[in-house]
Amino acid sequence: MKDMLNELIEELATDSEIQEIQQNEGFKSYVRYDELPKDKTSITIIPSGPPESVGFASNDSLSKHFIFQVSIEAIQRDVPKKLQRKVEQILKTKGFYQMSGGLDEYFSTTKRYVDARFYQGNSQLYDDY
């Protein structure tokens, strides 16, 4: 069985800047690493739920639909924006596109800018997810 979350993480880690964040333990799924120093940039990928069946034929699902939130936190405002642009371009190659909604905030408690966006996409026909 395939795992779309792992596939997206591997694809994003092909970018040198994202790979550097991963090597500093700042690239995680589900939850930001709590022990990460506050001045380190982080990327967190969070599934919005389980894959949903789409594309039915003969009472069988031919494909799965996925929605992921990509949250980027940094102490400089422009860093999450630049990284989200890279994320968007990479996810496009996997058939994922940005949805409406998200977050563009500065959190004074953490002293970090957060840019969180939702991306949706479907698996290829007949792939086992």
N, C-alpha and C. Protein backbone atom coordinates (compact mmCIF):
# COMPACT_ATOMS: atom_id res chain seq x y z
N MET A 1 0.84 -1.18 0.00
CA MET A 1 0.00 0.00 0.00
C MET A 1 0.89 1.25 0.00
N LYS A 2 0.49 2.24 -0.76
CA LYS A 2 1.25 3.48 -0.85
C LYS A 2 0.86 4.45 0.26
N ASP A 3 1.70 5.45 0.49
CA ASP A 3 1.48 6.45 1.53
C ASP A 3 1.75 7.84 0.94
N MET A 4 0.68 8.58 0.66
CA MET A 4 0.81 9.88 0.01
C MET A 4 1.59 10.87 0.87
N LEU A 5 1.41 10.85 2.18
CA LEU A 5 2.13 11.77 3.05
C LEU A 5 3.64 11.57 2.89
N ASN A 6 4.10 10.33 2.95
CA ASN A 6 5.53 10.07 2.78
C ASN A 6 6.02 10.46 1.39
N GLU A 7 5.20 10.21 0.38
CA GLU A 7 5.58 10.59 -0.99
C GLU A 7 5.77 12.11 -1.10
N LEU A 8 4.88 12.87 -0.49
CA LEU A 8 4.99 14.34 -0.56
C LEU A 8 6.21 14.83 0.22
N ILE A 9 6.46 14.23 1.39
CA ILE A 9 7.63 14.62 2.18
C ILE A 9 8.91 14.35 1.38
N GLU A 10 8.99 13.18 0.76
CA GLU A 10 10.18 12.84 -0.03
C GLU A 10 10.34 13.80 -1.21
N GLU A 11 9.25 14.13 -1.85
CA GLU A 11 9.31 15.04 -3.01
C GLU A 11 9.74 16.45 -2.57
N LEU A 12 9.18 16.94 -1.47
CA LEU A 12 9.56 18.26 -0.98
C LEU A 12 11.02 18.31 -0.55
N ALA A 13 11.52 17.21 0.00
CA ALA A 13 12.91 17.16 0.48
C ALA A 13 13.93 17.14 -0.65
N THR A 14 13.48 17.09 -1.89
CA THR A 14 14.42 17.18 -3.01
C THR A 14 14.92 18.61 -3.20
N ASP A 15 14.21 19.59 -2.65
CA ASP A 15 14.65 20.98 -2.69
C ASP A 15 15.73 21.18 -1.64
N SER A 16 16.83 21.82 -2.00
CA SER A 16 17.98 21.95 -1.08
C SER A 16 17.64 22.74 0.18
N GLU A 17 16.85 23.79 0.06
CA GLU A 17 16.50 24.60 1.24
C GLU A 17 15.59 23.81 2.19
N ILE A 18 14.64 23.08 1.64
CA ILE A 18 13.75 22.26 2.46
C ILE A 18 14.52 21.09 3.06
N GLN A 19 15.45 20.55 2.30
CA GLN A 19 16.28 19.46 2.81
C GLN A 19 17.12 19.92 4.02
N GLU A 20 17.61 21.14 3.96
CA GLU A 20 18.38 21.70 5.08
C GLU A 20 17.50 21.82 6.33
N ILE A 21 16.26 22.26 6.13
CA ILE A 21 15.31 22.35 7.25
C ILE A 21 15.05 20.96 7.82
N GLN A 22 14.93 19.97 6.95
CA GLN A 22 14.72 18.59 7.39
C GLN A 22 15.91 18.07 8.20
N GLN A 23 17.10 18.39 7.77
CA GLN A 23 18.30 17.94 8.47
C GLN A 23 18.42 18.57 9.86
N ASN A 24 17.82 19.74 10.04
CA ASN A 24 17.80 20.42 11.35
C ASN A 24 16.58 20.03 12.18
N GLU A 25 15.91 18.95 11.77
CA GLU A 25 14.71 18.42 12.44
C GLU A 25 13.53 19.38 12.42
N GLY A 26 13.49 20.26 11.41
CA GLY A 26 12.40 21.22 11.31
C GLY A 26 11.34 20.85 10.30
N PHE A 27 11.45 19.67 9.69
CA PHE A 27 10.49 19.23 8.68
C PHE A 27 9.81 17.97 9.20
N LYS A 28 8.56 18.11 9.63
CA LYS A 28 7.85 17.02 10.30
C LYS A 28 6.44 16.88 9.75
N SER A 29 5.82 15.77 10.10
CA SER A 29 4.40 15.59 9.81
C SER A 29 3.63 15.68 11.12
N TYR A 30 2.41 16.12 11.02
CA TYR A 30 1.45 16.23 12.11
C TYR A 30 1.75 17.35 13.12
N VAL A 31 2.92 17.36 13.77
CA VAL A 31 3.19 18.32 14.83
C VAL A 31 4.62 18.85 14.71
N ARG A 32 4.76 20.16 14.92
CA ARG A 32 6.10 20.77 14.92
C ARG A 32 6.91 20.20 16.08
N TYR A 33 8.16 19.91 15.85
CA TYR A 33 9.06 19.38 16.87
C TYR A 33 9.22 20.42 17.98
N ASP A 34 8.75 20.12 19.19
CA ASP A 34 8.74 21.07 20.30
C ASP A 34 10.13 21.52 20.73
N GLU A 35 11.10 20.64 20.56
CA GLU A 35 12.46 20.96 21.01
C GLU A 35 13.25 21.80 19.99
N LEU A 36 12.65 22.07 18.85
CA LEU A 36 13.32 22.87 17.83
C LEU A 36 13.54 24.29 18.36
N PRO A 37 14.76 24.82 18.27
CA PRO A 37 15.00 26.19 18.73
C PRO A 37 14.05 27.17 18.04
N LYS A 38 13.65 28.19 18.78
CA LYS A 38 12.67 29.15 18.27
C LYS A 38 13.12 29.90 17.02
N ASP A 39 14.43 30.02 16.83
CA ASP A 39 14.92 30.75 15.66
C ASP A 39 15.01 29.88 14.41
N LYS A 40 14.70 28.59 14.52
CA LYS A 40 14.77 27.68 13.38
C LYS A 40 13.45 27.64 12.63
N THR A 41 13.55 27.64 11.32
CA THR A 41 12.37 27.55 10.46
C THR A 41 11.84 26.12 10.50
N SER A 42 10.52 25.99 10.46
CA SER A 42 9.92 24.65 10.45
C SER A 42 8.85 24.54 9.38
N ILE A 43 8.69 23.32 8.89
CA ILE A 43 7.64 22.97 7.94
C ILE A 43 6.91 21.76 8.52
N THR A 44 5.60 21.86 8.63
CA THR A 44 4.80 20.76 9.15
C THR A 44 3.70 20.44 8.14
N ILE A 45 3.59 19.16 7.79
CA ILE A 45 2.54 18.71 6.87
C ILE A 45 1.53 17.92 7.68
N ILE A 46 0.26 18.33 7.56
CA ILE A 46 -0.79 17.73 8.37
C ILE A 46 -1.93 17.28 7.45
N PRO A 47 -2.23 15.98 7.43
CA PRO A 47 -3.41 15.55 6.66
C PRO A 47 -4.67 16.11 7.30
N SER A 48 -5.62 16.56 6.49
CA SER A 48 -6.86 17.10 7.07
C SER A 48 -7.83 15.99 7.43
N GLY A 49 -7.51 14.78 7.05
CA GLY A 49 -8.35 13.62 7.33
C GLY A 49 -7.86 12.45 6.50
N PRO A 50 -8.57 11.34 6.56
CA PRO A 50 -8.16 10.18 5.76
C PRO A 50 -8.45 10.42 4.28
N PRO A 51 -7.80 9.66 3.40
CA PRO A 51 -8.11 9.79 1.98
C PRO A 51 -9.58 9.47 1.72
N GLU A 52 -10.17 10.18 0.76
CA GLU A 52 -11.57 9.95 0.41
C GLU A 52 -11.64 9.28 -0.96
N SER A 53 -12.56 8.36 -1.11
CA SER A 53 -12.75 7.66 -2.38
C SER A 53 -13.40 8.59 -3.40
N VAL A 54 -12.86 8.59 -4.61
CA VAL A 54 -13.42 9.36 -5.73
C VAL A 54 -13.29 8.53 -7.00
N GLY A 55 -13.95 8.96 -8.04
CA GLY A 55 -13.83 8.30 -9.33
C GLY A 55 -14.34 6.87 -9.32
N PHE A 56 -15.63 6.71 -9.17
CA PHE A 56 -16.21 5.36 -9.06
C PHE A 56 -16.55 4.78 -10.42
N ALA A 57 -16.40 3.47 -10.53
CA ALA A 57 -16.84 2.70 -11.69
C ALA A 57 -17.12 1.28 -11.22
N SER A 58 -18.21 0.72 -11.65
CA SER A 58 -18.60 -0.63 -11.24
C SER A 58 -18.57 -0.80 -9.72
N ASN A 59 -19.10 0.19 -9.02
CA ASN A 59 -19.18 0.18 -7.56
C ASN A 59 -17.82 0.06 -6.88
N ASP A 60 -16.78 0.55 -7.53
CA ASP A 60 -15.45 0.49 -6.95
C ASP A 60 -14.78 1.87 -7.09
N SER A 61 -14.05 2.27 -6.07
CA SER A 61 -13.32 3.54 -6.11
C SER A 61 -12.06 3.37 -6.95
N LEU A 62 -11.85 4.27 -7.87
CA LEU A 62 -10.69 4.19 -8.75
C LEU A 62 -9.54 5.07 -8.29
N SER A 63 -9.84 6.01 -7.39
CA SER A 63 -8.83 6.98 -6.99
C SER A 63 -9.15 7.48 -5.58
N LYS A 64 -8.17 8.13 -4.95
CA LYS A 64 -8.35 8.72 -3.63
C LYS A 64 -8.10 10.22 -3.70
N HIS A 65 -8.83 10.97 -2.88
CA HIS A 65 -8.69 12.42 -2.80
C HIS A 65 -8.03 12.75 -1.47
N PHE A 66 -7.01 13.62 -1.51
CA PHE A 66 -6.25 13.99 -0.32
C PHE A 66 -6.29 15.50 -0.11
N ILE A 67 -6.30 15.90 1.15
CA ILE A 67 -6.15 17.31 1.52
C ILE A 67 -5.09 17.38 2.62
N PHE A 68 -4.08 18.22 2.39
CA PHE A 68 -3.01 18.41 3.36
C PHE A 68 -2.86 19.89 3.69
N GLN A 69 -2.56 20.17 4.95
CA GLN A 69 -2.18 21.52 5.36
C GLN A 69 -0.66 21.55 5.46
N VAL A 70 -0.05 22.56 4.86
CA VAL A 70 1.39 22.78 4.99
C VAL A 70 1.57 24.07 5.77
N SER A 71 2.14 23.94 6.96
CA SER A 71 2.36 25.08 7.86
C SER A 71 3.85 25.37 7.94
N ILE A 72 4.22 26.62 7.68
CA ILE A 72 5.62 27.02 7.74
C ILE A 72 5.75 28.15 8.75
N GLU A 73 6.70 27.99 9.68
CA GLU A 73 6.94 28.97 10.73
C GLU A 73 8.39 29.45 10.66
N ALA A 74 8.57 30.76 10.82
CA ALA A 74 9.91 31.35 10.81
C ALA A 74 9.88 32.68 11.55
N ILE A 75 11.07 33.14 11.95
CA ILE A 75 11.13 34.42 12.67
C ILE A 75 11.16 35.61 11.72
N GLN A 76 11.42 35.38 10.44
CA GLN A 76 11.39 36.45 9.44
C GLN A 76 10.16 36.26 8.56
N ARG A 77 9.43 37.33 8.32
CA ARG A 77 8.16 37.26 7.61
C ARG A 77 8.27 36.71 6.19
N ASP A 78 9.34 37.04 5.48
CA ASP A 78 9.44 36.63 4.08
C ASP A 78 9.80 35.16 3.89
N VAL A 79 10.38 34.52 4.90
CA VAL A 79 10.81 33.13 4.76
C VAL A 79 9.64 32.18 4.50
N PRO A 80 8.56 32.22 5.30
CA PRO A 80 7.44 31.32 5.00
C PRO A 80 6.84 31.55 3.61
N LYS A 81 6.81 32.81 3.17
CA LYS A 81 6.25 33.12 1.84
C LYS A 81 7.08 32.47 0.73
N LYS A 82 8.39 32.62 0.82
CA LYS A 82 9.28 32.04 -0.20
C LYS A 82 9.20 30.51 -0.19
N LEU A 83 9.16 29.94 1.00
CA LEU A 83 9.08 28.48 1.09
C LEU A 83 7.73 27.96 0.60
N GLN A 84 6.65 28.68 0.90
CA GLN A 84 5.34 28.24 0.41
C GLN A 84 5.28 28.27 -1.11
N ARG A 85 5.96 29.22 -1.70
CA ARG A 85 6.01 29.27 -3.17
C ARG A 85 6.71 28.02 -3.71
N LYS A 86 7.81 27.62 -3.07
CA LYS A 86 8.51 26.39 -3.47
C LYS A 86 7.62 25.17 -3.26
N VAL A 87 6.95 25.11 -2.11
CA VAL A 87 6.06 23.99 -1.81
C VAL A 87 4.97 23.89 -2.88
N GLU A 88 4.38 25.02 -3.21
CA GLU A 88 3.32 25.03 -4.22
C GLU A 88 3.82 24.48 -5.56
N GLN A 89 4.99 24.91 -5.98
CA GLN A 89 5.54 24.46 -7.26
C GLN A 89 5.84 22.95 -7.24
N ILE A 90 6.38 22.47 -6.13
CA ILE A 90 6.70 21.04 -6.02
C ILE A 90 5.42 20.21 -5.97
N LEU A 91 4.44 20.65 -5.18
CA LEU A 91 3.20 19.88 -5.08
C LEU A 91 2.43 19.86 -6.39
N LYS A 92 2.57 20.90 -7.19
CA LYS A 92 1.92 20.91 -8.51
C LYS A 92 2.40 19.74 -9.36
N THR A 93 3.67 19.39 -9.23
CA THR A 93 4.21 18.28 -10.02
C THR A 93 3.59 16.95 -9.59
N LYS A 94 3.02 16.89 -8.38
CA LYS A 94 2.34 15.69 -7.89
C LYS A 94 0.83 15.78 -8.07
N GLY A 95 0.36 16.84 -8.74
CA GLY A 95 -1.07 16.99 -8.99
C GLY A 95 -1.85 17.63 -7.86
N PHE A 96 -1.16 18.35 -6.96
CA PHE A 96 -1.81 19.03 -5.84
C PHE A 96 -1.87 20.52 -6.11
N TYR A 97 -3.00 21.13 -5.72
CA TYR A 97 -3.21 22.55 -5.94
C TYR A 97 -3.72 23.20 -4.66
N GLN A 98 -3.37 24.48 -4.49
CA GLN A 98 -3.76 25.21 -3.29
C GLN A 98 -5.27 25.43 -3.26
N MET A 99 -5.82 25.28 -2.08
CA MET A 99 -7.24 25.54 -1.85
C MET A 99 -7.39 26.91 -1.20
N SER A 100 -8.61 27.39 -1.12
CA SER A 100 -8.84 28.65 -0.40
C SER A 100 -8.72 28.40 1.09
N GLY A 101 -8.49 29.47 1.82
CA GLY A 101 -8.34 29.37 3.27
C GLY A 101 -6.88 29.24 3.66
N GLY A 102 -6.65 29.13 4.93
CA GLY A 102 -5.30 29.03 5.45
C GLY A 102 -5.06 30.07 6.53
N LEU A 103 -3.79 30.37 6.75
CA LEU A 103 -3.42 31.26 7.84
C LEU A 103 -2.19 32.05 7.44
N ASP A 104 -2.21 33.34 7.73
CA ASP A 104 -1.06 34.21 7.51
C ASP A 104 -1.01 35.15 8.71
N GLU A 105 -0.27 34.73 9.74
CA GLU A 105 -0.31 35.43 11.02
C GLU A 105 1.08 35.55 11.64
N TYR A 106 1.18 36.49 12.57
CA TYR A 106 2.35 36.59 13.45
C TYR A 106 1.86 36.24 14.85
N PHE A 107 2.52 35.26 15.48
CA PHE A 107 2.15 34.87 16.83
C PHE A 107 3.15 35.47 17.81
N SER A 108 2.67 36.40 18.61
CA SER A 108 3.56 37.08 19.55
C SER A 108 4.06 36.14 20.65
N THR A 109 3.30 35.11 20.97
CA THR A 109 3.73 34.17 22.01
C THR A 109 4.95 33.36 21.56
N THR A 110 5.01 33.00 20.30
CA THR A 110 6.15 32.22 19.79
C THR A 110 7.17 33.11 19.07
N LYS A 111 6.74 34.35 18.77
CA LYS A 111 7.57 35.30 18.02
C LYS A 111 7.96 34.76 16.65
N ARG A 112 6.97 34.10 15.99
CA ARG A 112 7.19 33.54 14.66
C ARG A 112 6.02 33.89 13.75
N TYR A 113 6.36 34.04 12.47
CA TYR A 113 5.35 34.20 11.44
C TYR A 113 4.93 32.81 10.99
N VAL A 114 3.63 32.65 10.76
CA VAL A 114 3.10 31.37 10.33
C VAL A 114 2.31 31.58 9.03
N ASP A 115 2.64 30.77 8.04
CA ASP A 115 1.91 30.74 6.78
C ASP A 115 1.46 29.30 6.59
N ALA A 116 0.17 29.06 6.72
CA ALA A 116 -0.39 27.72 6.58
C ALA A 116 -1.37 27.71 5.41
N ARG A 117 -1.18 26.75 4.50
CA ARG A 117 -2.04 26.66 3.32
C ARG A 117 -2.52 25.22 3.14
N PHE A 118 -3.67 25.10 2.50
CA PHE A 118 -4.25 23.79 2.22
C PHE A 118 -4.02 23.45 0.75
N TYR A 119 -3.68 22.19 0.52
CA TYR A 119 -3.47 21.68 -0.84
C TYR A 119 -4.29 20.41 -1.00
N GLN A 120 -4.90 20.28 -2.18
CA GLN A 120 -5.68 19.07 -2.46
C GLN A 120 -5.23 18.44 -3.76
N GLY A 121 -5.41 17.13 -3.84
CA GLY A 121 -5.06 16.41 -5.06
C GLY A 121 -5.59 14.99 -4.99
N ASN A 122 -5.54 14.33 -6.12
CA ASN A 122 -6.02 12.95 -6.24
C ASN A 122 -4.87 12.02 -6.60
N SER A 123 -5.02 10.79 -6.18
CA SER A 123 -4.06 9.78 -6.60
C SER A 123 -4.29 9.44 -8.06
N GLN A 124 -3.33 8.75 -8.64
CA GLN A 124 -3.51 8.23 -9.99
C GLN A 124 -4.57 7.12 -9.95
N LEU A 125 -5.24 6.90 -11.05
CA LEU A 125 -6.22 5.83 -11.12
C LEU A 125 -5.57 4.50 -10.76
N TYR A 126 -6.30 3.72 -10.00
CA TYR A 126 -5.92 2.35 -9.61
C TYR A 126 -4.74 2.27 -8.63
N ASP A 127 -4.19 3.41 -8.17
CA ASP A 127 -3.14 3.35 -7.15
C ASP A 127 -3.75 2.92 -5.82
N ASP A 128 -3.02 2.15 -5.05
CA ASP A 128 -3.51 1.60 -3.79
C ASP A 128 -3.06 2.46 -2.61
N TYR A 129 -3.96 3.34 -2.15
CA TYR A 129 -3.68 4.18 -0.99
C TYR A 129 -4.64 3.84 0.12
